């Protein structure tokens, strides 16, 4: 595996941080109505990535598609993250809208996310 950390020079605050990924699940309420929520008891995976604000061009692109993108998480290996998942970093929650492979060679992945307050159970 490529040792990418010796080539990178991070700005302050952009070091590798540990994320937990949670998958969305469908549950039934007491009245029998379906409810979609995240399973914060069982993470799908844990990985390291670098977070940064999304570029203006990316924000405009996803806004035209009907998504609000505020941040992007850069990962240097393949992770089992899908659109609709929730990434947790400390007490911050990021909702995944898209995963891109800019070079199309499988080395670097950009996870386009939206940071917002969680609806449902709190993960603290």
N, C-alpha and C. Protein backbone atom coordinates (compact mmCIF):
# COMPACT_ATOMS: atom_id res chain seq x y z
N UNK A 1 0.84 -1.18 0.00
CA UNK A 1 0.00 0.00 0.00
C UNK A 1 0.88 1.24 0.00
N UNK A 2 0.47 2.26 -0.70
CA UNK A 2 1.22 3.51 -0.83
C UNK A 2 1.24 4.25 0.49
N UNK A 3 2.43 4.66 0.94
CA UNK A 3 2.55 5.43 2.17
C UNK A 3 2.37 6.90 1.82
N UNK A 4 1.12 7.34 1.76
CA UNK A 4 0.80 8.69 1.32
C UNK A 4 1.13 9.74 2.38
N UNK A 5 1.22 9.38 3.65
CA UNK A 5 1.41 10.35 4.72
C UNK A 5 2.77 11.04 4.63
N UNK A 6 3.76 10.42 4.05
CA UNK A 6 5.05 11.08 3.96
C UNK A 6 5.10 12.10 2.83
N UNK A 7 4.12 12.08 1.91
CA UNK A 7 4.09 13.03 0.81
C UNK A 7 3.23 14.25 1.12
N UNK A 8 2.34 14.13 2.08
CA UNK A 8 1.36 15.17 2.33
C UNK A 8 1.83 16.16 3.38
N UNK A 9 1.49 17.41 3.18
CA UNK A 9 1.74 18.46 4.16
C UNK A 9 0.39 19.08 4.48
N UNK A 10 -0.12 18.81 5.68
CA UNK A 10 -1.42 19.30 6.07
C UNK A 10 -1.31 20.70 6.65
N UNK A 11 -2.36 21.48 6.45
CA UNK A 11 -2.49 22.77 7.13
C UNK A 11 -2.97 22.49 8.55
N UNK A 12 -2.78 23.44 9.46
CA UNK A 12 -3.29 23.22 10.82
C UNK A 12 -4.80 22.97 10.80
N UNK A 13 -5.23 21.94 11.51
CA UNK A 13 -6.64 21.58 11.56
C UNK A 13 -7.07 20.59 10.49
N UNK A 14 -6.16 20.23 9.57
CA UNK A 14 -6.51 19.31 8.50
C UNK A 14 -5.82 17.96 8.62
N UNK A 15 -5.43 17.59 9.81
CA UNK A 15 -4.78 16.30 10.01
C UNK A 15 -5.80 15.18 9.83
N UNK A 16 -5.30 13.96 9.77
CA UNK A 16 -6.17 12.80 9.64
C UNK A 16 -7.02 12.66 10.91
N UNK A 17 -8.31 12.52 10.73
CA UNK A 17 -9.24 12.37 11.85
C UNK A 17 -10.02 11.09 11.67
N UNK A 18 -10.46 10.50 12.77
CA UNK A 18 -11.16 9.22 12.75
C UNK A 18 -12.67 9.45 12.65
N UNK A 19 -13.29 8.84 11.65
CA UNK A 19 -14.73 8.94 11.42
C UNK A 19 -15.38 7.59 11.66
N UNK A 20 -16.60 7.62 12.15
CA UNK A 20 -17.43 6.42 12.25
C UNK A 20 -18.57 6.58 11.27
N UNK A 21 -18.86 5.51 10.53
CA UNK A 21 -19.92 5.53 9.53
C UNK A 21 -21.10 4.72 10.03
N UNK A 22 -22.29 5.32 9.95
CA UNK A 22 -23.51 4.64 10.37
C UNK A 22 -24.48 4.56 9.20
N UNK A 23 -25.13 3.42 9.06
CA UNK A 23 -26.05 3.17 7.96
C UNK A 23 -27.47 3.48 8.38
N UNK A 24 -28.27 3.93 7.44
CA UNK A 24 -29.67 4.23 7.69
C UNK A 24 -30.47 2.94 7.71
N UNK A 25 -31.41 2.84 8.66
CA UNK A 25 -32.25 1.65 8.74
C UNK A 25 -33.70 2.07 8.89
N UNK A 26 -34.59 1.16 8.54
CA UNK A 26 -36.02 1.42 8.65
C UNK A 26 -36.57 0.65 9.84
N UNK A 27 -37.29 1.37 10.68
CA UNK A 27 -37.90 0.77 11.86
C UNK A 27 -39.40 1.04 11.82
N UNK A 28 -40.14 0.36 12.66
CA UNK A 28 -41.57 0.60 12.79
C UNK A 28 -41.85 1.25 14.13
N UNK A 29 -42.72 2.27 14.13
CA UNK A 29 -43.12 2.90 15.38
C UNK A 29 -44.16 2.02 16.07
N UNK A 30 -44.61 2.43 17.25
CA UNK A 30 -45.60 1.65 17.99
C UNK A 30 -46.92 1.56 17.23
N UNK A 31 -47.21 2.58 16.43
CA UNK A 31 -48.45 2.55 15.65
C UNK A 31 -48.30 1.81 14.33
N UNK A 32 -47.09 1.33 14.01
CA UNK A 32 -46.87 0.55 12.80
C UNK A 32 -46.40 1.36 11.61
N UNK A 33 -46.13 2.67 11.79
CA UNK A 33 -45.65 3.49 10.68
C UNK A 33 -44.15 3.29 10.50
N UNK A 34 -43.69 3.26 9.25
CA UNK A 34 -42.25 3.12 9.02
C UNK A 34 -41.52 4.42 9.37
N UNK A 35 -40.35 4.27 9.96
CA UNK A 35 -39.53 5.40 10.37
C UNK A 35 -38.10 5.10 9.98
N UNK A 36 -37.45 6.02 9.30
CA UNK A 36 -36.05 5.83 8.93
C UNK A 36 -35.18 6.60 9.91
N UNK A 37 -34.20 5.91 10.46
CA UNK A 37 -33.28 6.50 11.41
C UNK A 37 -31.93 5.80 11.25
N UNK A 38 -30.91 6.35 11.88
CA UNK A 38 -29.58 5.77 11.79
C UNK A 38 -29.34 4.86 12.99
N UNK A 39 -28.67 3.77 12.76
CA UNK A 39 -28.35 2.79 13.80
C UNK A 39 -27.05 3.22 14.47
N UNK A 40 -27.14 4.12 15.45
CA UNK A 40 -25.95 4.66 16.11
C UNK A 40 -25.34 3.68 17.11
N UNK A 41 -25.93 2.51 17.27
CA UNK A 41 -25.36 1.50 18.17
C UNK A 41 -24.30 0.65 17.47
N UNK A 42 -24.41 0.51 16.15
CA UNK A 42 -23.53 -0.38 15.40
C UNK A 42 -22.92 0.35 14.20
N UNK A 43 -21.68 0.85 14.31
CA UNK A 43 -21.07 1.50 13.14
C UNK A 43 -20.74 0.49 12.05
N UNK A 44 -20.90 0.92 10.81
CA UNK A 44 -20.57 0.08 9.65
C UNK A 44 -19.06 -0.05 9.53
N UNK A 45 -18.36 1.07 9.69
CA UNK A 45 -16.91 1.06 9.60
C UNK A 45 -16.34 2.27 10.33
N UNK A 46 -15.04 2.22 10.57
CA UNK A 46 -14.29 3.34 11.13
C UNK A 46 -13.11 3.58 10.20
N UNK A 47 -12.85 4.84 9.85
CA UNK A 47 -11.75 5.12 8.93
C UNK A 47 -11.16 6.49 9.24
N UNK A 48 -9.98 6.75 8.67
CA UNK A 48 -9.31 8.04 8.81
C UNK A 48 -9.49 8.83 7.53
N UNK A 49 -9.72 10.12 7.69
CA UNK A 49 -9.86 11.00 6.54
C UNK A 49 -9.57 12.44 6.92
N UNK A 50 -9.45 13.27 5.90
CA UNK A 50 -9.20 14.69 6.07
C UNK A 50 -10.42 15.45 5.64
N UNK A 51 -10.85 16.42 6.45
CA UNK A 51 -12.06 17.18 6.14
C UNK A 51 -11.68 18.59 5.71
N UNK A 52 -12.44 19.13 4.77
CA UNK A 52 -12.27 20.52 4.36
C UNK A 52 -13.62 21.04 3.86
N UNK A 53 -13.74 22.33 3.80
CA UNK A 53 -14.95 22.92 3.25
C UNK A 53 -15.02 22.61 1.76
N UNK A 54 -16.22 22.41 1.28
CA UNK A 54 -16.40 22.12 -0.15
C UNK A 54 -16.11 23.38 -0.96
N UNK A 55 -15.54 23.19 -2.13
CA UNK A 55 -15.27 24.32 -3.01
C UNK A 55 -16.57 24.91 -3.52
N UNK A 56 -16.51 26.16 -3.89
CA UNK A 56 -17.70 26.86 -4.38
C UNK A 56 -18.26 26.17 -5.62
N UNK A 57 -17.39 25.71 -6.51
CA UNK A 57 -17.86 25.05 -7.73
C UNK A 57 -18.59 23.74 -7.39
N UNK A 58 -18.10 23.01 -6.39
CA UNK A 58 -18.76 21.77 -5.98
C UNK A 58 -20.10 22.07 -5.33
N UNK A 59 -20.16 23.13 -4.54
CA UNK A 59 -21.42 23.51 -3.90
C UNK A 59 -22.48 23.86 -4.94
N UNK A 60 -22.07 24.61 -5.97
CA UNK A 60 -23.01 24.98 -7.03
C UNK A 60 -23.44 23.75 -7.81
N UNK A 61 -22.51 22.85 -8.12
CA UNK A 61 -22.82 21.63 -8.87
C UNK A 61 -23.87 20.80 -8.13
N UNK A 62 -23.66 20.56 -6.85
CA UNK A 62 -24.60 19.73 -6.10
C UNK A 62 -25.90 20.47 -5.80
N UNK A 63 -25.85 21.79 -5.73
CA UNK A 63 -27.09 22.56 -5.53
C UNK A 63 -27.99 22.41 -6.76
N UNK A 64 -27.40 22.33 -7.94
CA UNK A 64 -28.19 22.12 -9.15
C UNK A 64 -28.81 20.73 -9.18
N UNK A 65 -28.19 19.78 -8.48
CA UNK A 65 -28.73 18.42 -8.39
C UNK A 65 -29.72 18.27 -7.24
N UNK A 66 -29.90 19.32 -6.46
CA UNK A 66 -30.86 19.30 -5.36
C UNK A 66 -30.26 18.90 -4.02
N UNK A 67 -28.94 18.95 -3.89
CA UNK A 67 -28.27 18.59 -2.63
C UNK A 67 -27.52 19.80 -2.10
N UNK A 68 -27.45 19.92 -0.80
CA UNK A 68 -26.62 20.94 -0.18
C UNK A 68 -25.35 20.26 0.32
N UNK A 69 -24.20 20.69 -0.18
CA UNK A 69 -22.92 20.11 0.21
C UNK A 69 -22.13 21.19 0.92
N UNK A 70 -21.66 20.88 2.13
CA UNK A 70 -20.89 21.86 2.89
C UNK A 70 -19.43 21.45 3.08
N UNK A 71 -19.15 20.16 3.15
CA UNK A 71 -17.79 19.69 3.40
C UNK A 71 -17.48 18.50 2.49
N UNK A 72 -16.18 18.25 2.33
CA UNK A 72 -15.76 17.03 1.67
C UNK A 72 -14.70 16.35 2.53
N UNK A 73 -14.81 15.05 2.61
CA UNK A 73 -13.86 14.22 3.37
C UNK A 73 -13.01 13.48 2.36
N UNK A 74 -11.70 13.64 2.47
CA UNK A 74 -10.77 12.99 1.55
C UNK A 74 -10.22 11.74 2.24
N UNK A 75 -10.35 10.59 1.55
CA UNK A 75 -9.91 9.31 2.09
C UNK A 75 -8.94 8.69 1.09
N UNK A 76 -7.88 8.08 1.59
CA UNK A 76 -6.84 7.53 0.72
C UNK A 76 -6.92 6.02 0.59
N UNK A 77 -8.10 5.47 0.78
CA UNK A 77 -8.34 4.05 0.54
C UNK A 77 -9.84 3.86 0.38
N UNK A 78 -10.22 2.71 -0.12
CA UNK A 78 -11.64 2.43 -0.35
C UNK A 78 -12.33 2.15 0.98
N UNK A 79 -13.47 2.80 1.20
CA UNK A 79 -14.26 2.58 2.42
C UNK A 79 -15.69 2.20 2.02
N UNK A 80 -16.37 1.39 2.83
CA UNK A 80 -17.74 0.96 2.49
C UNK A 80 -18.79 2.01 2.85
N UNK A 81 -18.64 3.22 2.34
CA UNK A 81 -19.57 4.31 2.61
C UNK A 81 -20.47 4.48 1.40
N UNK A 82 -21.76 4.68 1.64
CA UNK A 82 -22.73 4.87 0.57
C UNK A 82 -23.44 6.20 0.75
N UNK A 83 -24.04 6.69 -0.32
CA UNK A 83 -24.87 7.88 -0.21
C UNK A 83 -26.03 7.58 0.73
N UNK A 84 -26.28 8.49 1.66
CA UNK A 84 -27.32 8.29 2.65
C UNK A 84 -26.79 7.91 4.02
N UNK A 85 -25.49 7.57 4.10
CA UNK A 85 -24.89 7.22 5.38
C UNK A 85 -24.61 8.48 6.20
N UNK A 86 -24.32 8.29 7.48
CA UNK A 86 -24.00 9.38 8.39
C UNK A 86 -22.59 9.15 8.92
N UNK A 87 -21.72 10.16 8.77
CA UNK A 87 -20.38 10.11 9.32
C UNK A 87 -20.35 10.92 10.60
N UNK A 88 -19.75 10.37 11.64
CA UNK A 88 -19.69 11.05 12.94
C UNK A 88 -18.24 11.33 13.27
N UNK A 89 -17.95 12.59 13.58
CA UNK A 89 -16.63 13.03 14.00
C UNK A 89 -16.81 13.78 15.32
N UNK A 90 -16.54 13.10 16.43
CA UNK A 90 -16.79 13.71 17.73
C UNK A 90 -18.29 13.89 17.93
N UNK A 91 -18.73 15.14 18.08
CA UNK A 91 -20.17 15.39 18.20
C UNK A 91 -20.74 16.03 16.94
N UNK A 92 -19.98 16.03 15.84
CA UNK A 92 -20.45 16.57 14.57
C UNK A 92 -20.95 15.43 13.69
N UNK A 93 -22.02 15.69 12.95
CA UNK A 93 -22.60 14.68 12.06
C UNK A 93 -22.61 15.20 10.63
N UNK A 94 -22.15 14.36 9.71
CA UNK A 94 -22.07 14.70 8.30
C UNK A 94 -22.87 13.65 7.53
N UNK A 95 -23.77 14.10 6.69
CA UNK A 95 -24.62 13.20 5.91
C UNK A 95 -24.07 13.12 4.49
N UNK A 96 -23.82 11.90 4.03
CA UNK A 96 -23.15 11.65 2.75
C UNK A 96 -24.13 11.82 1.61
N UNK A 97 -23.73 12.61 0.60
CA UNK A 97 -24.53 12.79 -0.61
C UNK A 97 -23.92 12.06 -1.81
N UNK A 98 -22.59 11.99 -1.86
CA UNK A 98 -21.95 11.40 -3.04
C UNK A 98 -20.53 10.98 -2.67
N UNK A 99 -20.04 9.97 -3.36
CA UNK A 99 -18.65 9.54 -3.23
C UNK A 99 -18.04 9.60 -4.62
N UNK A 100 -16.92 10.31 -4.75
CA UNK A 100 -16.26 10.46 -6.04
C UNK A 100 -14.85 9.88 -5.99
N UNK A 101 -14.40 9.37 -7.12
CA UNK A 101 -13.02 8.93 -7.30
C UNK A 101 -12.44 9.82 -8.39
N UNK A 102 -11.83 10.96 -8.01
CA UNK A 102 -11.42 11.95 -9.02
C UNK A 102 -10.46 11.42 -10.06
N UNK A 103 -9.48 10.59 -9.67
CA UNK A 103 -8.51 10.08 -10.63
C UNK A 103 -8.96 8.81 -11.31
N UNK A 104 -10.05 8.22 -10.83
CA UNK A 104 -10.60 6.97 -11.36
C UNK A 104 -9.59 5.83 -11.36
N UNK A 105 -8.69 5.85 -10.36
CA UNK A 105 -7.73 4.76 -10.23
C UNK A 105 -7.85 4.06 -8.88
N UNK A 106 -8.73 4.54 -8.02
CA UNK A 106 -8.98 3.88 -6.74
C UNK A 106 -8.01 4.22 -5.63
N UNK A 107 -7.28 5.35 -5.75
CA UNK A 107 -6.34 5.73 -4.71
C UNK A 107 -6.92 6.76 -3.75
N UNK A 108 -7.64 7.73 -4.26
CA UNK A 108 -8.18 8.82 -3.45
C UNK A 108 -9.68 8.90 -3.68
N UNK A 109 -10.44 9.05 -2.60
CA UNK A 109 -11.89 9.16 -2.70
C UNK A 109 -12.34 10.43 -2.00
N UNK A 110 -13.26 11.16 -2.63
CA UNK A 110 -13.84 12.38 -2.05
C UNK A 110 -15.27 12.06 -1.66
N UNK A 111 -15.57 12.20 -0.40
CA UNK A 111 -16.92 11.96 0.11
C UNK A 111 -17.57 13.32 0.32
N UNK A 112 -18.57 13.63 -0.48
CA UNK A 112 -19.25 14.93 -0.41
C UNK A 112 -20.34 14.84 0.65
N UNK A 113 -20.28 15.71 1.66
CA UNK A 113 -21.18 15.61 2.81
C UNK A 113 -21.84 16.94 3.12
N UNK A 114 -22.88 16.85 3.93
CA UNK A 114 -23.58 18.03 4.44
C UNK A 114 -23.59 17.93 5.96
N UNK A 115 -23.10 18.96 6.61
CA UNK A 115 -23.14 18.99 8.07
C UNK A 115 -24.43 19.65 8.50
N UNK A 116 -25.18 18.96 9.36
CA UNK A 116 -26.40 19.55 9.89
C UNK A 116 -26.75 18.88 11.20
N UNK A 117 -27.67 19.47 11.91
CA UNK A 117 -28.11 18.91 13.18
C UNK A 117 -28.81 17.59 12.92
N UNK A 118 -28.60 16.65 13.81
CA UNK A 118 -29.18 15.32 13.65
C UNK A 118 -30.64 15.34 14.00
N UNK A 119 -31.43 14.65 13.20
CA UNK A 119 -32.84 14.45 13.50
C UNK A 119 -32.96 13.07 14.09
N UNK A 120 -33.42 12.99 15.29
CA UNK A 120 -33.56 11.67 15.92
C UNK A 120 -32.68 11.59 17.15
N UNK A 121 -32.23 10.41 17.43
CA UNK A 121 -31.48 10.14 18.65
C UNK A 121 -30.10 10.78 18.61
N UNK A 122 -29.65 11.26 19.76
CA UNK A 122 -28.34 11.90 19.86
C UNK A 122 -27.28 10.86 20.16
N UNK A 123 -26.12 11.02 19.60
CA UNK A 123 -25.05 10.03 19.76
C UNK A 123 -23.99 10.57 20.73
N UNK A 124 -24.34 10.70 21.99
CA UNK A 124 -23.36 11.18 22.98
C UNK A 124 -23.37 10.30 24.19
